[in-house]
């Protein structure tokens, strides 16, 4: 379709898309600046992947609207790349470039997942798009909540508004690793994800991070994931499904 990425919001008013997707990436204290860059690079690599682009252009309308934000403490969320239409290789490449060459880290603090979810909800409800589906995609290396609204309260408010919450459990050692006291994927399933077809993807190591993001994007764009599915990515092309509880 050839629309350029990063068009002014006014020019995109009332634009219909298959999916409105906000990517909420963990920028809490356990994630250092190198890991911030690592996460951004993983999403940048995934968004230009031919399989992801095929999922986008193969949908009914053939375009999605995507934004990338980083979250940390209760009042610390930052829009790294604002709402962008992706409808083919050129717009995907522009989004990826904006992500990897974009603003310095602005989000700091301890986990406030409830606040992050409500921030995502507000961004979805005030953008300039009309999506057939609205999705929050939250990545985190723990399910702790150290300020702001409780996770489950925020989750229920988001789901009541017709928004799906999916998750990326960050387990790779280039990030902060797996919590020692509980099962992070199970906690995502119990506390965070919600809505029809909601799911969690987890990456077991640094090498599988971009593959996990790619798989997650394809599932979200396709919109046909069984409720509560957990896709555990252990290598670039390996995944197995499990089923923790979901709301």
C-alpha atoms as a PDB file:
ATOM      1  CA  UNK A   1       0.000   0.000   0.000  1.00  0.00           C
ATOM      2  CA  UNK A   2       3.024   2.175   0.342  1.00  0.00           C
ATOM      3  CA  UNK A   3       2.001   4.530   3.162  1.00  0.00           C
ATOM      4  CA  UNK A   4       5.080   5.869   4.915  1.00  0.00           C
ATOM      5  CA  UNK A   5       5.703   5.242   8.557  1.00  0.00           C
ATOM      6  CA  UNK A   6       5.752   8.010  11.139  1.00  0.00           C
ATOM      7  CA  UNK A   7       3.060  10.084   9.392  1.00  0.00           C
ATOM      8  CA  UNK A   8       1.555  12.916  11.460  1.00  0.00           C
ATOM      9  CA  UNK A   9      -1.373  11.831  13.607  1.00  0.00           C
ATOM     10  CA  UNK A  10      -3.720  14.327  11.943  1.00  0.00           C
ATOM     11  CA  UNK A  11      -3.054  12.774   8.554  1.00  0.00           C
ATOM     12  CA  UNK A  12      -4.039   9.362   9.893  1.00  0.00           C
ATOM     13  CA  UNK A  13      -7.305  10.345  11.576  1.00  0.00           C
ATOM     14  CA  UNK A  14      -9.932   7.643  11.285  1.00  0.00           C
ATOM     15  CA  UNK A  15      -7.550   5.296   9.468  1.00  0.00           C
ATOM     16  CA  UNK A  16      -8.840   1.739   9.670  1.00  0.00           C
ATOM     17  CA  UNK A  17      -6.384  -1.015  10.537  1.00  0.00           C
ATOM     18  CA  UNK A  18      -6.591  -4.709  11.296  1.00  0.00           C
ATOM     19  CA  UNK A  19      -4.846  -4.279  14.644  1.00  0.00           C
ATOM     20  CA  UNK A  20      -3.847  -1.541  17.082  1.00  0.00           C
ATOM     21  CA  UNK A  21      -0.854  -2.894  18.989  1.00  0.00           C
ATOM     22  CA  UNK A  22       1.123  -1.161  21.721  1.00  0.00           C
ATOM     23  CA  UNK A  23       4.369  -2.842  22.713  1.00  0.00           C
ATOM     24  CA  UNK A  24       5.164  -2.106  26.369  1.00  0.00           C
ATOM     25  CA  UNK A  25       8.800  -3.027  27.054  1.00  0.00           C
ATOM     26  CA  UNK A  26      10.301  -3.492  30.507  1.00  0.00           C
ATOM     27  CA  UNK A  27      12.635  -0.635  31.534  1.00  0.00           C
ATOM     28  CA  UNK A  28      12.655  -1.236  35.291  1.00  0.00           C
ATOM     29  CA  UNK A  29      15.740  -1.223  37.483  1.00  0.00           C
ATOM     30  CA  UNK A  30      16.672  -4.811  36.625  1.00  0.00           C
ATOM     31  CA  UNK A  31      17.085  -3.833  32.960  1.00  0.00           C
ATOM     32  CA  UNK A  32      20.287  -1.912  32.250  1.00  0.00           C
ATOM     33  CA  UNK A  33      20.954   0.322  29.242  1.00  0.00           C
ATOM     34  CA  UNK A  34      22.594  -2.461  27.231  1.00  0.00           C
ATOM     35  CA  UNK A  35      19.503  -4.605  27.773  1.00  0.00           C
ATOM     36  CA  UNK A  36      17.265  -1.712  26.714  1.00  0.00           C
ATOM     37  CA  UNK A  37      19.157  -1.631  23.417  1.00  0.00           C
ATOM     38  CA  UNK A  38      19.017  -5.424  23.191  1.00  0.00           C
ATOM     39  CA  UNK A  39      15.236  -5.415  23.579  1.00  0.00           C
ATOM     40  CA  UNK A  40      14.741  -2.636  21.031  1.00  0.00           C
ATOM     41  CA  UNK A  41      16.970  -4.457  18.550  1.00  0.00           C
ATOM     42  CA  UNK A  42      14.982  -7.666  19.026  1.00  0.00           C
ATOM     43  CA  UNK A  43      11.706  -5.924  18.213  1.00  0.00           C
ATOM     44  CA  UNK A  44      13.309  -4.105  15.286  1.00  0.00           C
ATOM     45  CA  UNK A  45      14.541  -7.385  13.813  1.00  0.00           C
ATOM     46  CA  UNK A  46      11.164  -9.028  14.309  1.00  0.00           C
ATOM     47  CA  UNK A  47       9.034  -6.296  12.732  1.00  0.00           C
ATOM     48  CA  UNK A  48      10.911  -6.500   9.407  1.00  0.00           C
ATOM     49  CA  UNK A  49      10.860 -10.292   9.276  1.00  0.00           C
ATOM     50  CA  UNK A  50       9.164 -11.576   6.088  1.00  0.00           C
ATOM     51  CA  UNK A  51       6.855 -13.852   8.089  1.00  0.00           C
ATOM     52  CA  UNK A  52       5.634 -10.922  10.194  1.00  0.00           C
ATOM     53  CA  UNK A  53       5.114  -8.768   7.094  1.00  0.00           C
ATOM     54  CA  UNK A  54       3.230 -11.618   5.414  1.00  0.00           C
ATOM     55  CA  UNK A  55       0.910 -11.843   8.427  1.00  0.00           C
ATOM     56  CA  UNK A  56       0.278  -8.099   8.240  1.00  0.00           C
ATOM     57  CA  UNK A  57      -0.427  -7.871   4.516  1.00  0.00           C
ATOM     58  CA  UNK A  58      -2.431 -11.106   4.525  1.00  0.00           C
ATOM     59  CA  UNK A  59      -5.083  -9.703   6.861  1.00  0.00           C
ATOM     60  CA  UNK A  60      -8.380  -8.172   5.777  1.00  0.00           C
ATOM     61  CA  UNK A  61      -7.161  -4.557   5.546  1.00  0.00           C
ATOM     62  CA  UNK A  62      -3.463  -5.294   5.204  1.00  0.00           C
ATOM     63  CA  UNK A  63      -2.055  -2.816   7.713  1.00  0.00           C
ATOM     64  CA  UNK A  64      -1.611  -2.448  11.442  1.00  0.00           C
ATOM     65  CA  UNK A  65      -0.850   0.464  13.776  1.00  0.00           C
ATOM     66  CA  UNK A  66       2.019  -0.102  16.213  1.00  0.00           C
ATOM     67  CA  UNK A  67       3.606   1.926  19.008  1.00  0.00           C
ATOM     68  CA  UNK A  68       6.587   1.063  21.231  1.00  0.00           C
ATOM     69  CA  UNK A  69       6.795   2.378  24.784  1.00  0.00           C
ATOM     70  CA  UNK A  70       8.959   1.565  27.796  1.00  0.00           C
ATOM     71  CA  UNK A  71       7.588   1.318  31.318  1.00  0.00           C
ATOM     72  CA  UNK A  72       9.004   1.271  34.837  1.00  0.00           C
ATOM     73  CA  UNK A  73       7.646   2.983  37.994  1.00  0.00           C
ATOM     74  CA  UNK A  74       4.073   4.214  38.553  1.00  0.00           C
ATOM     75  CA  UNK A  75       4.592   7.560  36.812  1.00  0.00           C
ATOM     76  CA  UNK A  76       7.361   6.483  34.468  1.00  0.00           C
ATOM     77  CA  UNK A  77       6.247   5.425  30.996  1.00  0.00           C
ATOM     78  CA  UNK A  78       7.851   6.736  27.814  1.00  0.00           C
ATOM     79  CA  UNK A  79       6.684   6.551  24.186  1.00  0.00           C
ATOM     80  CA  UNK A  80       9.837   5.584  22.272  1.00  0.00           C
ATOM     81  CA  UNK A  81       8.217   5.286  18.822  1.00  0.00           C
ATOM     82  CA  UNK A  82       4.746   6.791  18.473  1.00  0.00           C
ATOM     83  CA  UNK A  83       1.849   5.256  16.577  1.00  0.00           C
ATOM     84  CA  UNK A  84       2.951   4.128  13.128  1.00  0.00           C
ATOM     85  CA  UNK A  85       1.186   2.356  10.283  1.00  0.00           C
ATOM     86  CA  UNK A  86       2.993  -0.732   9.060  1.00  0.00           C
ATOM     87  CA  UNK A  87       1.780  -2.026   5.726  1.00  0.00           C
ATOM     88  CA  UNK A  88       4.887  -3.412   4.055  1.00  0.00           C
ATOM     89  CA  UNK A  89       8.699  -3.560   4.058  1.00  0.00           C
ATOM     90  CA  UNK A  90       9.313   0.191   3.769  1.00  0.00           C
ATOM     91  CA  UNK A  91       7.130   1.226   6.703  1.00  0.00           C
ATOM     92  CA  UNK A  92       8.425  -1.699   8.786  1.00  0.00           C
ATOM     93  CA  UNK A  93      12.014  -0.667   8.083  1.00  0.00           C
ATOM     94  CA  UNK A  94      11.241   2.931   9.059  1.00  0.00           C
ATOM     95  CA  UNK A  95       9.708   1.771  12.354  1.00  0.00           C
ATOM     96  CA  UNK A  96      12.715  -0.458  13.048  1.00  0.00           C
ATOM     97  CA  UNK A  97      15.125   2.394  12.334  1.00  0.00           C
ATOM     98  CA  UNK A  98      13.206   4.765  14.601  1.00  0.00           C
ATOM     99  CA  UNK A  99      13.320   2.147  17.341  1.00  0.00           C
ATOM    100  CA  UNK A 100      17.041   1.409  17.178  1.00  0.00           C
ATOM    101  CA  UNK A 101      18.126   4.994  16.543  1.00  0.00           C
ATOM    102  CA  UNK A 102      15.519   6.606  18.755  1.00  0.00           C
ATOM    103  CA  UNK A 103      15.390   8.565  21.978  1.00  0.00           C
ATOM    104  CA  UNK A 104      17.523   7.720  25.001  1.00  0.00           C
ATOM    105  CA  UNK A 105      15.952   5.768  27.801  1.00  0.00           C
ATOM    106  CA  UNK A 106      13.457   7.849  29.793  1.00  0.00           C
ATOM    107  CA  UNK A 107      11.657   5.280  32.009  1.00  0.00           C
ATOM    108  CA  UNK A 108      13.083   4.357  35.419  1.00  0.00           C
ATOM    109  CA  UNK A 109      11.929   2.802  38.679  1.00  0.00           C
ATOM    110  CA  UNK A 110      10.642  -0.428  40.185  1.00  0.00           C
ATOM    111  CA  UNK A 111       7.890  -2.529  38.652  1.00  0.00           C
ATOM    112  CA  UNK A 112       4.492  -0.895  38.288  1.00  0.00           C
ATOM    113  CA  UNK A 113       2.788  -3.289  35.886  1.00  0.00           C
ATOM    114  CA  UNK A 114      -0.711  -2.087  36.764  1.00  0.00           C
ATOM    115  CA  UNK A 115       0.240   1.465  35.846  1.00  0.00           C
ATOM    116  CA  UNK A 116       1.837   0.243  32.612  1.00  0.00           C
ATOM    117  CA  UNK A 117      -1.334  -1.585  31.596  1.00  0.00           C
ATOM    118  CA  UNK A 118      -3.481   1.496  32.195  1.00  0.00           C
ATOM    119  CA  UNK A 119      -1.001   3.607  30.231  1.00  0.00           C
ATOM    120  CA  UNK A 120      -1.346   1.189  27.320  1.00  0.00           C
ATOM    121  CA  UNK A 121      -5.131   1.375  27.573  1.00  0.00           C
ATOM    122  CA  UNK A 122      -5.045   5.190  27.430  1.00  0.00           C
ATOM    123  CA  UNK A 123      -2.789   5.136  24.368  1.00  0.00           C
ATOM    124  CA  UNK A 124      -5.089   2.721  22.560  1.00  0.00           C
ATOM    125  CA  UNK A 125      -8.179   4.756  23.377  1.00  0.00           C
ATOM    126  CA  UNK A 126      -6.768   8.123  22.294  1.00  0.00           C
ATOM    127  CA  UNK A 127      -4.839   7.332  19.108  1.00  0.00           C
ATOM    128  CA  UNK A 128      -6.038   8.184  15.616  1.00  0.00           C
ATOM    129  CA  UNK A 129      -6.896   4.670  14.439  1.00  0.00           C
ATOM    130  CA  UNK A 130      -9.896   2.385  14.224  1.00  0.00           C
ATOM    131  CA  UNK A 131      -8.672  -1.151  14.725  1.00  0.00           C
ATOM    132  CA  UNK A 132     -10.624  -4.346  14.383  1.00  0.00           C
ATOM    133  CA  UNK A 133      -8.679  -5.491  17.463  1.00  0.00           C
ATOM    134  CA  UNK A 134      -6.782  -3.660  20.204  1.00  0.00           C
ATOM    135  CA  UNK A 135      -3.860  -5.373  21.940  1.00  0.00           C
ATOM    136  CA  UNK A 136      -1.437  -4.497  24.725  1.00  0.00           C
ATOM    137  CA  UNK A 137       1.764  -6.532  24.556  1.00  0.00           C
ATOM    138  CA  UNK A 138       3.651  -6.275  27.849  1.00  0.00           C
ATOM    139  CA  UNK A 139       7.155  -7.612  28.431  1.00  0.00           C
ATOM    140  CA  UNK A 140       8.527  -8.078  31.941  1.00  0.00           C
ATOM    141  CA  UNK A 141      11.202 -10.039  33.776  1.00  0.00           C
ATOM    142  CA  UNK A 142       9.069 -10.351  36.910  1.00  0.00           C
ATOM    143  CA  UNK A 143       5.443 -10.135  37.969  1.00  0.00           C
ATOM    144  CA  UNK A 144       6.107  -7.892  40.954  1.00  0.00           C
ATOM    145  CA  UNK A 145       4.185  -4.663  41.467  1.00  0.00           C
ATOM    146  CA  UNK A 146       5.771  -2.045  43.715  1.00  0.00           C
ATOM    147  CA  UNK A 147       3.450   0.908  43.227  1.00  0.00           C
ATOM    148  CA  UNK A 148       0.349   2.138  41.455  1.00  0.00           C
ATOM    149  CA  UNK A 149      -2.814   0.070  40.990  1.00  0.00           C
ATOM    150  CA  UNK A 150      -2.798  -3.656  41.560  1.00  0.00           C
ATOM    151  CA  UNK A 151      -2.048  -5.697  38.451  1.00  0.00           C
ATOM    152  CA  UNK A 152      -5.315  -7.622  38.531  1.00  0.00           C
ATOM    153  CA  UNK A 153      -7.381  -4.462  39.028  1.00  0.00           C
ATOM    154  CA  UNK A 154      -5.724  -2.829  36.024  1.00  0.00           C
ATOM    155  CA  UNK A 155      -5.958  -6.005  33.979  1.00  0.00           C
ATOM    156  CA  UNK A 156      -9.681  -6.325  34.607  1.00  0.00           C
ATOM    157  CA  UNK A 157     -10.245  -2.678  33.645  1.00  0.00           C
ATOM    158  CA  UNK A 158      -8.311  -3.139  30.410  1.00  0.00           C
ATOM    159  CA  UNK A 159     -10.106  -6.346  29.458  1.00  0.00           C
ATOM    160  CA  UNK A 160     -13.505  -4.796  30.282  1.00  0.00           C
ATOM    161  CA  UNK A 161     -12.684  -2.103  27.701  1.00  0.00           C
ATOM    162  CA  UNK A 162     -12.365  -4.775  25.008  1.00  0.00           C
ATOM    163  CA  UNK A 163      -8.558  -4.771  24.910  1.00  0.00           C
ATOM    164  CA  UNK A 164      -6.528  -7.990  24.867  1.00  0.00           C
ATOM    165  CA  UNK A 165      -3.364  -8.264  26.980  1.00  0.00           C
ATOM    166  CA  UNK A 166      -0.580 -10.567  25.801  1.00  0.00           C
ATOM    167  CA  UNK A 167       2.821 -11.012  27.396  1.00  0.00           C
ATOM    168  CA  UNK A 168       6.492 -11.674  26.802  1.00  0.00           C
ATOM    169  CA  UNK A 169       8.204 -13.314  29.779  1.00  0.00           C
ATOM    170  CA  UNK A 170      11.814 -12.097  29.646  1.00  0.00           C
ATOM    171  CA  UNK A 171      13.992 -14.996  30.776  1.00  0.00           C
ATOM    172  CA  UNK A 172      17.153 -14.621  28.709  1.00  0.00           C
ATOM    173  CA  UNK A 173      20.428 -14.054  30.557  1.00  0.00           C
ATOM    174  CA  UNK A 174      21.276 -11.015  28.421  1.00  0.00           C
ATOM    175  CA  UNK A 175      18.271  -9.567  30.202  1.00  0.00           C
ATOM    176  CA  UNK A 176      17.774 -10.244  33.913  1.00  0.00           C
ATOM    177  CA  UNK A 177      17.013 -13.965  33.978  1.00  0.00           C
ATOM    178  CA  UNK A 178      14.296 -16.151  35.491  1.00  0.00           C
ATOM    179  CA  UNK A 179      12.958 -15.329  38.959  1.00  0.00           C
ATOM    180  CA  UNK A 180      14.192 -17.901  41.468  1.00  0.00           C
ATOM    181  CA  UNK A 181      11.119 -17.959  43.716  1.00  0.00           C
ATOM    182  CA  UNK A 182       8.251 -18.532  41.249  1.00  0.00           C
ATOM    183  CA  UNK A 183       7.296 -19.524  37.705  1.00  0.00           C
ATOM    184  CA  UNK A 184       7.215 -16.308  35.690  1.00  0.00           C
ATOM    185  CA  UNK A 185       5.112 -17.700  32.839  1.00  0.00           C
ATOM    186  CA  UNK A 186       2.523 -19.061  35.261  1.00  0.00           C
ATOM    187  CA  UNK A 187       2.421 -15.670  36.998  1.00  0.00           C
ATOM    188  CA  UNK A 188       1.800 -13.979  33.651  1.00  0.00           C
ATOM    189  CA  UNK A 189      -1.042 -16.391  33.022  1.00  0.00           C
ATOM    190  CA  UNK A 190      -2.577 -15.871  36.446  1.00  0.00           C
ATOM    191  CA  UNK A 191      -2.104 -12.123  36.923  1.00  0.00           C
ATOM    192  CA  UNK A 192      -1.358 -10.236  33.719  1.00  0.00           C
ATOM    193  CA  UNK A 193      -2.719 -11.580  30.443  1.00  0.00           C
ATOM    194  CA  UNK A 194      -6.409 -11.346  29.672  1.00  0.00           C
ATOM    195  CA  UNK A 195      -9.065 -11.232  27.010  1.00  0.00           C
ATOM    196  CA  UNK A 196     -10.065 -13.659  24.244  1.00  0.00           C
ATOM    197  CA  UNK A 197      -7.080 -15.561  22.870  1.00  0.00           C
ATOM    198  CA  UNK A 198      -4.592 -13.960  25.254  1.00  0.00           C
ATOM    199  CA  UNK A 199      -1.231 -15.710  25.559  1.00  0.00           C
ATOM    200  CA  UNK A 200       2.334 -15.560  26.865  1.00  0.00           C
ATOM    201  CA  UNK A 201       5.536 -16.097  24.902  1.00  0.00           C
ATOM    202  CA  UNK A 202       8.787 -16.722  26.769  1.00  0.00           C
ATOM    203  CA  UNK A 203      12.367 -16.718  25.496  1.00  0.00           C
ATOM    204  CA  UNK A 204      14.776 -19.045  27.281  1.00  0.00           C
ATOM    205  CA  UNK A 205      17.999 -17.381  26.133  1.00  0.00           C
ATOM    206  CA  UNK A 206      19.405 -14.354  24.334  1.00  0.00           C
ATOM    207  CA  UNK A 207      19.650 -16.185  21.036  1.00  0.00           C
ATOM    208  CA  UNK A 208      15.929 -16.915  21.016  1.00  0.00           C
ATOM    209  CA  UNK A 209      14.753 -13.424  22.010  1.00  0.00           C
ATOM    210  CA  UNK A 210      14.149 -12.063  18.484  1.00  0.00           C
ATOM    211  CA  UNK A 211      12.519 -15.371  17.513  1.00  0.00           C
ATOM    212  CA  UNK A 212      10.186 -15.131  20.500  1.00  0.00           C
ATOM    213  CA  UNK A 213       9.209 -11.584  19.568  1.00  0.00           C
ATOM    214  CA  UNK A 214       8.682 -12.628  15.951  1.00  0.00           C
ATOM    215  CA  UNK A 215       6.457 -15.545  16.964  1.00  0.00           C
ATOM    216  CA  UNK A 216       4.497 -13.315  19.311  1.00  0.00           C
ATOM    217  CA  UNK A 217       3.890 -10.677  16.647  1.00  0.00           C
ATOM    218  CA  UNK A 218       2.698 -13.280  14.156  1.00  0.00           C
ATOM    219  CA  UNK A 219       0.261 -14.736  16.698  1.00  0.00           C
ATOM    220  CA  UNK A 220      -1.047 -11.282  17.585  1.00  0.00           C
ATOM    221  CA  UNK A 221      -1.457 -10.213  13.985  1.00  0.00           C
ATOM    222  CA  UNK A 222      -3.201 -13.461  13.052  1.00  0.00           C
ATOM    223  CA  UNK A 223      -5.571 -13.056  15.993  1.00  0.00           C
ATOM    224  CA  UNK A 224      -6.411 -16.763  16.273  1.00  0.00           C
ATOM    225  CA  UNK A 225      -4.461 -17.876  19.341  1.00  0.00           C
ATOM    226  CA  UNK A 226      -6.204 -20.344  21.696  1.00  0.00           C
ATOM    227  CA  UNK A 227      -7.014 -18.722  25.043  1.00  0.00           C
ATOM    228  CA  UNK A 228      -4.248 -18.975  27.597  1.00  0.00           C
ATOM    229  CA  UNK A 229      -1.621 -20.509  25.323  1.00  0.00           C
ATOM    230  CA  UNK A 230       2.001 -20.290  26.428  1.00  0.00           C
ATOM    231  CA  UNK A 231       4.576 -20.484  23.624  1.00  0.00           C
ATOM    232  CA  UNK A 232       7.966 -21.296  25.124  1.00  0.00           C
ATOM    233  CA  UNK A 233      10.720 -20.493  22.626  1.00  0.00           C
ATOM    234  CA  UNK A 234      13.939 -22.390  23.424  1.00  0.00           C
ATOM    235  CA  UNK A 235      15.802 -21.692  20.206  1.00  0.00           C
ATOM    236  CA  UNK A 236      15.416 -19.733  16.979  1.00  0.00           C
ATOM    237  CA  UNK A 237      12.745 -22.042  15.562  1.00  0.00           C
ATOM    238  CA  UNK A 238      11.484 -24.209  18.427  1.00  0.00           C
ATOM    239  CA  UNK A 239       8.327 -23.680  20.459  1.00  0.00           C
ATOM    240  CA  UNK A 240       5.915 -25.766  22.517  1.00  0.00           C
ATOM    241  CA  UNK A 241       2.461 -24.886  23.779  1.00  0.00           C
ATOM    242  CA  UNK A 242       1.272 -25.035  27.391  1.00  0.00           C
ATOM    243  CA  UNK A 243      -1.915 -23.715  28.931  1.00  0.00           C
ATOM    244  CA  UNK A 244      -1.777 -21.659  32.143  1.00  0.00           C
ATOM    245  CA  UNK A 245      -4.976 -19.983  33.341  1.00  0.00           C
ATOM    246  CA  UNK A 246      -6.095 -16.776  31.608  1.00  0.00           C
ATOM    247  CA  UNK A 247      -8.860 -14.277  32.162  1.00  0.00           C
END
